[in-house]
Protein backbone atom coordinates (compact mmCIF):
# COMPACT_ATOMS: atom_id res chain seq x y z
CA MET A 1 -18.89 0.90 2.94
CA GLY A 2 -15.81 -1.27 2.54
CA LEU A 3 -12.05 -0.90 2.51
CA ASP A 4 -12.33 0.16 -1.13
CA SER A 5 -14.09 3.34 0.01
CA PHE A 6 -10.80 4.48 1.57
CA LEU A 7 -9.01 4.40 -1.78
CA GLY A 8 -10.69 7.68 -2.68
CA ALA A 9 -9.77 9.34 0.60
CA ILE A 10 -6.72 11.14 -0.76
CA ASP A 11 -6.09 13.65 -3.51
CA THR A 12 -3.47 13.10 -6.18
CA ALA A 13 -0.31 14.91 -5.15
CA SER A 14 2.11 16.31 -7.71
CA ARG A 15 5.45 14.78 -6.77
CA SER A 16 8.72 14.52 -8.69
CA LEU A 17 11.87 12.50 -8.13
CA SER A 18 15.00 14.11 -9.55
CA VAL A 19 18.35 12.37 -9.80
CA VAL A 20 20.90 15.14 -9.29
CA ASN A 21 24.47 15.06 -10.63
CA ARG A 22 24.25 11.42 -11.63
CA SER A 23 27.47 9.47 -12.03
CA ALA A 24 25.75 6.08 -11.72
CA PRO A 25 25.31 4.19 -15.03
CA ASP A 26 22.28 4.68 -17.28
CA PRO A 27 20.56 1.41 -16.23
CA VAL A 28 20.15 2.77 -12.69
CA LEU A 29 18.16 5.74 -13.95
CA ARG A 30 16.08 3.44 -16.16
CA MET A 31 15.28 1.22 -13.16
CA LEU A 32 14.05 4.24 -11.23
CA GLU A 33 11.93 5.33 -14.18
CA THR A 34 10.54 1.80 -14.54
CA THR A 35 9.62 1.64 -10.85
CA PHE A 36 7.40 4.71 -11.21
CA VAL A 37 6.16 4.25 -14.75
CA ASP A 38 2.47 5.18 -15.13
CA GLN A 39 2.42 6.56 -11.57
CA PRO A 40 1.64 10.16 -10.50
CA VAL A 41 5.35 10.61 -9.74
CA SER A 42 7.60 11.93 -12.48
CA VAL A 43 11.29 11.03 -12.70
CA ASP A 44 13.87 13.34 -14.23
CA GLU A 45 17.54 14.22 -14.09
CA LEU A 46 19.17 17.50 -13.01
CA SER A 47 22.54 19.13 -12.55
CA ASP A 48 23.03 21.28 -9.47
CA ASP A 49 26.40 22.61 -8.35
CA ALA A 50 24.99 23.17 -4.87
CA ARG A 51 24.50 19.44 -4.32
CA GLY A 52 26.80 16.43 -4.33
CA ASP A 53 26.80 13.60 -6.84
CA ASP A 54 24.14 10.89 -7.07
CA VAL A 55 21.49 12.56 -4.95
CA VAL A 56 17.75 11.94 -5.26
CA VAL A 57 15.46 14.87 -4.49
CA LEU A 58 11.72 14.56 -3.92
CA SER A 59 9.79 17.73 -4.66
CA GLU A 60 6.12 18.67 -4.62
CA GLY A 61 4.20 21.18 -6.68
CA THR A 62 2.81 24.15 -4.77
CA THR A 63 1.10 27.39 -5.75
CA GLU A 64 4.52 29.05 -5.60
CA GLY A 65 6.40 26.47 -7.64
CA ARG A 66 8.14 23.30 -6.50
CA GLU A 67 9.17 22.67 -2.91
CA VAL A 68 11.80 20.12 -1.85
CA VAL A 69 10.21 17.55 0.44
CA ALA A 70 13.08 15.11 1.04
CA THR A 71 16.59 14.25 -0.11
CA SER A 72 18.34 10.85 -0.12
CA SER A 73 21.40 9.31 -1.67
CA LEU A 74 20.90 7.37 -4.88
CA GLU A 75 22.85 4.52 -3.29
CA ASP A 76 20.25 4.18 -0.53
CA VAL A 77 17.43 4.06 -3.08
CA MET A 78 19.33 1.45 -5.08
CA ASN A 79 19.98 -0.76 -2.04
CA THR A 80 16.38 -0.74 -0.76
CA VAL A 81 14.37 -0.95 -3.99
CA LEU A 82 16.21 -0.71 -7.30
CA LEU A 83 18.82 -3.45 -6.89
CA VAL A 84 16.84 -5.91 -4.75
CA ASN A 85 13.80 -8.15 -5.08
CA SER A 86 11.09 -9.20 -2.66
CA ASP A 87 13.04 -12.32 -1.64
CA LEU A 88 15.32 -10.05 0.36
CA TYR A 89 12.37 -9.29 2.65
CA LYS A 90 10.79 -12.75 2.63
CA THR A 91 13.95 -14.60 3.60
CA GLY A 92 14.93 -12.26 6.40
CA GLN A 93 18.08 -10.89 4.81
CA THR A 94 16.92 -7.42 5.88
CA LYS A 95 17.11 -7.26 9.68
CA LEU A 96 14.37 -5.25 11.33
CA ASP A 97 16.73 -3.36 13.63
CA GLU A 98 18.99 -2.45 10.71
CA PHE A 99 16.32 -1.57 8.16
CA GLU A 100 16.14 2.01 6.94
CA LEU A 101 14.09 3.34 4.05
CA PRO A 102 15.15 6.53 2.22
CA SER A 103 12.99 9.51 3.05
CA VAL A 104 12.37 10.21 -0.66
CA LEU A 105 10.34 6.98 -0.62
CA THR A 106 8.54 7.27 2.71
CA ARG A 107 7.58 10.85 1.88
CA LEU A 108 5.60 9.65 -1.13
CA ASP A 109 2.71 9.41 1.32
CA ASP A 110 -0.78 10.32 0.12
CA VAL A 111 0.15 9.45 -3.45
CA PRO A 112 -2.24 6.93 -5.09
CA PHE A 113 -0.32 4.10 -6.74
CA SER A 114 -1.42 1.46 -9.23
CA LEU A 115 1.19 -1.28 -9.08
CA ARG A 116 1.71 -4.55 -10.93
CA GLY A 117 3.13 -7.69 -9.42
CA TYR A 118 5.44 -10.29 -10.91
CA PRO A 119 5.72 -11.30 -13.76
CA GLU A 120 4.28 -8.07 -15.25
CA SER A 121 6.71 -6.06 -13.15
CA ASP A 122 9.45 -7.09 -10.74
CA LYS A 123 9.86 -3.60 -9.20
CA GLU A 124 6.53 -1.84 -8.83
CA LYS A 125 5.04 -4.03 -6.08
CA LEU A 126 8.37 -4.03 -4.25
CA LEU A 127 7.66 -0.45 -3.24
CA LEU A 128 4.69 -1.64 -1.15
CA VAL A 129 6.80 -4.47 0.30
CA ALA A 130 9.43 -1.97 1.43
CA ILE A 131 6.84 0.39 2.91
CA SER A 132 5.27 -2.55 4.78
CA ARG A 133 8.62 -3.38 6.37
CA TYR A 134 9.10 0.29 7.20
CA ILE A 135 5.77 0.40 9.11
CA GLU A 136 6.58 -2.88 10.88
CA ARG A 137 9.91 -1.45 12.03
CA HIS A 138 8.17 1.77 13.04
CA ALA A 139 5.79 -0.22 15.28
CA TRP A 140 8.65 -2.26 16.74
CA ARG A 141 10.64 0.86 17.56
CA ALA A 142 7.59 2.44 19.23
CA GLY A 143 7.28 -0.64 21.47
CA ASP A 144 3.59 -0.13 22.19
CA GLY A 145 0.36 0.72 20.42
CA ARG A 146 -1.31 -1.52 17.84
CA LEU A 147 -0.32 -3.04 14.51
CA ARG A 148 -2.84 -4.58 12.10
CA SER A 149 -1.49 -6.42 9.05
CA SER A 150 -3.13 -8.52 6.36
CA PHE A 151 -1.49 -11.39 4.50
CA GLN A 152 -4.32 -12.75 2.33
CA ARG A 153 -3.27 -16.17 3.69
CA LEU A 154 -2.12 -16.49 7.29
CA SER A 155 0.21 -19.31 6.24
CA ARG A 156 2.50 -16.71 4.66
CA ILE A 157 3.69 -15.86 8.18
CA LYS A 158 4.79 -19.47 8.61
CA ASP A 159 6.20 -19.92 5.10
CA GLU A 160 8.23 -16.71 4.82
CA ARG A 161 11.12 -16.83 7.28
CA GLY A 162 11.74 -13.09 7.17
CA THR A 163 8.08 -12.22 7.69
CA ARG A 164 7.81 -14.69 10.58
CA ALA A 165 10.90 -13.23 12.28
CA VAL A 166 9.60 -9.67 11.94
CA TYR A 167 6.22 -10.43 13.45
CA GLN A 168 7.68 -12.47 16.27
CA LYS A 169 9.90 -9.51 17.10
CA VAL A 170 7.08 -6.95 16.96
CA ALA A 171 4.72 -9.15 18.97
CA SER A 172 7.36 -9.67 21.67
CA THR A 173 7.03 -5.98 22.57
CA ASP A 174 3.94 -4.29 24.02
CA VAL A 175 2.57 -3.74 20.51
CA GLN A 176 -0.77 -5.50 20.08
CA THR A 177 -0.03 -7.39 16.88
CA HIS A 178 -3.11 -8.38 14.86
CA VAL A 179 -2.75 -10.44 11.68
CA TYR A 180 -5.49 -11.08 9.11
CA GLY A 181 -6.00 -13.57 6.32
CA ILE A 182 -7.61 -16.78 5.15
CA PRO A 183 -7.24 -19.10 8.19
CA ASP A 184 -5.01 -21.76 6.65
CA TRP A 185 -2.56 -21.65 9.58
CA THR A 186 -2.77 -21.25 13.34
CA PRO A 187 0.14 -19.80 15.33
CA PRO A 188 1.58 -21.96 18.13
CA SER A 189 -0.06 -21.61 21.51
CA ASN A 190 2.82 -19.56 22.90
CA SER A 191 2.57 -16.97 20.11
CA ASP A 192 1.74 -13.37 20.94
CA LEU A 193 0.06 -12.86 17.55
CA LEU A 194 -3.68 -12.11 17.56
CA THR A 195 -5.12 -13.83 14.48
CA HIS A 196 -8.27 -12.93 12.54
CA GLY A 197 -9.38 -15.31 9.82
CA GLY A 198 -12.13 -15.04 7.24
CA TYR A 199 -13.20 -15.81 3.70
CA THR A 200 -14.71 -12.53 2.51
CA ASP A 201 -13.29 -10.54 -0.40
CA GLU A 202 -11.51 -8.21 1.99
CA PHE A 203 -9.52 -11.10 3.44
CA TYR A 204 -8.65 -12.28 -0.06
CA ASP A 205 -7.88 -8.93 -1.67
CA SER A 206 -6.60 -6.51 0.98
CA TRP A 207 -3.05 -5.55 1.83
CA PHE A 208 -2.80 -3.31 4.83
CA VAL A 209 -0.24 -2.53 7.51
CA VAL A 210 -1.68 -0.08 10.02
CA TYR A 211 0.13 1.23 13.09
CA THR A 212 -1.80 3.17 15.72
CA PRO A 213 -0.05 4.57 18.81
CA PRO A 214 -1.54 4.28 22.28
CA GLU A 215 -4.26 6.76 23.11
CA GLY A 216 -2.64 10.08 23.80
CA GLY A 217 0.51 9.20 21.85
CA PRO A 218 2.01 11.26 19.00
CA GLY A 219 -0.51 12.33 16.40
CA GLU A 220 -3.44 11.27 18.55
CA SER A 221 -5.43 14.54 18.46
CA ILE A 222 -7.91 12.98 16.08
CA GLU A 223 -11.33 13.90 14.81
CA SER A 224 -12.24 10.75 12.95
CA ASP A 225 -15.72 11.54 11.66
CA GLY A 226 -14.78 13.73 8.76
CA GLY A 227 -12.77 16.18 10.86
CA THR A 228 -9.36 17.50 9.93
CA ASP A 229 -6.06 16.50 11.44
CA GLU A 230 -4.79 19.07 13.90
CA ALA A 231 -1.20 18.48 12.82
CA ALA A 232 -0.05 17.58 9.34
CA PRO A 233 2.94 15.23 9.23
CA ASP A 234 5.12 17.68 7.31
CA ASP A 235 6.99 19.04 10.31
CA GLY A 236 9.09 17.31 12.92
CA ARG A 237 9.32 13.96 11.17
CA GLY A 238 12.49 11.96 11.37
CA ILE A 239 14.85 11.34 8.49
CA ASP A 240 12.85 8.36 7.27
CA GLY A 241 9.50 10.13 7.35
CA ALA A 242 7.85 9.67 10.74
CA THR A 243 8.34 10.76 14.31
CA PRO A 244 8.49 7.94 16.89
CA GLY A 245 5.05 6.58 17.64
CA GLN A 246 3.30 8.47 14.85
CA PRO A 247 0.28 6.74 13.24
CA VAL A 248 0.89 5.44 9.73
CA ALA A 249 -1.01 3.13 7.40
CA LEU A 250 -0.49 1.35 4.12
CA LEU A 251 -3.68 0.30 2.34
CA ALA A 252 -3.85 -1.48 -1.01
CA LEU A 253 -6.45 -3.67 -2.70
CA GLU A 254 -5.93 -6.23 -5.44
CA THR A 255 -8.43 -4.89 -7.96
CA GLU A 256 -7.31 -7.34 -10.67
CA PRO A 257 -5.02 -10.36 -10.49
CA LYS A 258 -1.54 -9.07 -9.58
CA ARG A 259 -2.60 -5.43 -9.79
CA TRP A 260 -2.78 -3.30 -6.65
CA GLU A 261 -4.34 0.11 -6.02
CA GLY A 262 -3.33 1.90 -2.85
CA TYR A 263 -1.29 4.41 -0.89
CA TRP A 264 0.29 5.02 2.49
CA THR A 265 -0.49 7.90 4.79
CA PHE A 266 0.63 9.57 8.01
CA ARG A 267 -2.66 11.46 8.48
CA PRO A 268 -3.90 10.62 12.00
CA SER A 269 -7.64 10.81 11.26
CA LEU A 270 -7.38 8.66 8.13
CA VAL A 271 -5.21 6.08 9.92
CA ALA A 272 -7.77 6.01 12.75
CA ASP A 273 -10.67 5.51 10.33
CA ILE A 274 -8.92 2.63 8.55
CA ASP A 275 -7.99 1.03 11.88
CA ARG A 276 -11.55 1.36 13.15
CA TYR A 277 -13.04 -0.17 10.01
CA ILE A 278 -10.73 -3.20 10.21
CA SER A 279 -11.49 -3.65 13.91
CA ARG A 280 -15.24 -3.62 13.36
CA ASN A 281 -15.51 -5.54 10.11
CA MET A 282 -12.66 -8.04 10.00
């Protein structure tokens, strides 16, 4: 059993993103379509007199039709994914305490994605970058618990100013902050980061950001050996997708050069299983 065994732990959800009453120019819609091309998320356009202009609605197929899961402004989606590139996150231009991610993106949880990196695509992988920052901020706001994050190479923390600032900020709280990767860099002696280095395929190929709250925290009624979660994350979540201190995990594997397969999830038992595997095997 390896991290790849967790890729099959979710079922394909039927989700749709609808741009409602669009006044934004055509290239904006095309960018949204490009971001989700070949993914199990359809993109369409609707008119609805009951809603304002330039609204994005996320809906999910149910036995009774389609149910609205989340609603965000098109402007927010543009400013976090469509009109930016990964340099915005690497250089620290997005401040952790100011970062918000539209709920139509965070609520794409439990959707399996197959994403290409640059130069094949300059937008698809950015979705995982944004979700990673979202989980990092979620851990920082919780102020305790545990965060496990992989970087393939630990030197990325040193080389990317924005990444370094984020992890210094998270580690300065009571969050146990574990980082994983090929050990080509060692944090300074006064760092609060807990480093784990290795040379196996999982260090080379994995991309995970896993937040687990303290025992007894939100979402912690867990049966982790095949049991079901006692509470699904569909109720009581904040505007950006998660209640404070809720467990959440992003997991992706580089199955081919610059091609990633993965998902993010709020399911407590699945987050616990991923966290436990990393703890025991990396």
